[in-house]
Amino acid sequence: MGEKKWIIINGIIVGLISVMLVYFGNPVNMGICIVCFIRDIAGGLGLHRAEVVQYVRPEIIGIVLGAFLMALGKKEYNARGGSSPFTRFVLGFIVIIGALMFLGCPLRMVLRLAGGDLNALFGLFGFIAGIALGIVFLNKGFTLKRTYSLNRYEGYLLPFVNVVLLILVIAGTATGILFFSKTGPGSQHAPIIIALVAGLIVGGFAQRTRLCMVGGIRDLIMFKDWYLISGFIAIFVTAFIGNAAFGYFKFGFAGQPVAHTDGLWNFLGMALAGFGSVLLGGCPLRQLILSGEGNIDSVITVMGMVVGAAFAHNFKLAASAKGPTPNGKIAVILGFIIAFAIAYLNIDKSVNIKMKGDGKIETYGN
C-alpha cells in the first residue's frame, strides 16, 4: 500500500477517529495520543500513583492487535530482534520524558495544532529541529546494528499481554487489579468497545501505510519525499474541520486543554522526542505498529516508554497545565546528554546508512 492516496486516506481516517473519540469522551485534542495513553496505562497498572492519569486505554490495545492481525493476514508478520535492545529501552525512556515535557506525542502535537493550540507550534519547531539533529548522526553512520530472526512465538507475547489487559479493563474494578481515575484526563474516555474498534482500525491502516511522523519529516528533509508526511497533513486538515464542526476549536495560547504555555520547554521537550525517535527509526505510533508486527526491539522500546512514564510521574518529571517542573527540566537536559552519547558512540564509519519510509536500516560495507 505504497501509493500516496492510501496514506492520505489513512490520515483522513485517523483525523476523523481522533475527533470522534473526543465526542465519545476522550479529552479535547487527545482523541489519540500514544505517549499520553502509555502514561495512563502505566498508571492503570499501578506503576505510578498520579490518580488523574490512570486508565488502561483500549486504543493502545487495539492499535497493537490491529497491526498484529493485519501483519498476519498480509503475511508480513516477522518475529525479529537483537538490535541494541537495551539502548532502545533507554531511548524509549528518553523519548517519553521529552514528550511528557510537551504533554503529547507527535500525533497529539498535530491534533493540538488542529484544535487551535498555538503552544504546539513551539513543539513542532522543536520536533523538526530534533529530527534534523538526528539526521546529522544518520549521515555520519549512526546505526543500532542489524536485527536477527527469532522464534515466531516470541512476537505473539505482546498481543497476548494486550488481550489479557483488555479482559481486565472490561472487568473493571471487580478484579481490584487495575487502577481507574475518578477525575482528570484519565477519567475522560470513550466507551471501551468504541475505543477498541478505533484502535484496531488505526493499527491496521498504519501497518499497511507505515504512517510515521518522524519518518515523514526525516524523509522530507533527506529525500524530498512527501509520502509519509502526507498522512499527517491529512490528519491535520481532517481534525481541523472536525474540531470546527463540533465546537472543539479554540485558537490561542492560554487555556488550552492539557497544555502549558512555556514555549522554550515545549520546544526542548519535542526536540528531545524527535532526536530520540530518529535514532530509534520511528515515532511512538510506529514503535507500537512494529511491535504488533513481531519486532521485539520495538516491544523493548515501548517497555522503555512505559517505565519512563512511570518515572515521569513518580519523580515529578512530567509537566502539567501549570508548566514544567524543575525535575522535568533537569531530566530533559540529561536526556539530551545521554542521547548525544548514544548517537556518537554508535557511529560506524565502515558502513553507509540508508533510511527511508518504513524505518528500516540498510547498510553497505565500504
Foldseek 3Di string as FASTA:
>chain_A
DADLVLLLVLLLLLLVQLLVFVVQWAPQLPSDFLLLLLLQPLVQQVLAPPQQRHANFLLLLLLLQLLLVLCVVVVNQFAKEDLLQVVLLLLLLQLSLLQLQFQGFPLSLLSCVLQAACLSVLLVLLLLLLLVVLVVLLQLAFGSDDMGGDDSVLLVVVNVVSVVVLVVVVVPCPVVRTRARPDHSRPTGGPNVSSNVSSSSSNNSCSVHVAFPLQQSNCCVPPVDNRNVSSSVSSSVSNNVSCVVVVSRDHDHPPRPWGARPSVSSSLSSSLNNNSQVSVLGTLSLLSSVSSSNYVSSVSSSVSSSSSSSCCNNVVLGATRHHGDPNVVVSSVVSVVVSVVSSVVRHDNQWRWDHHRNSDTDTDGD
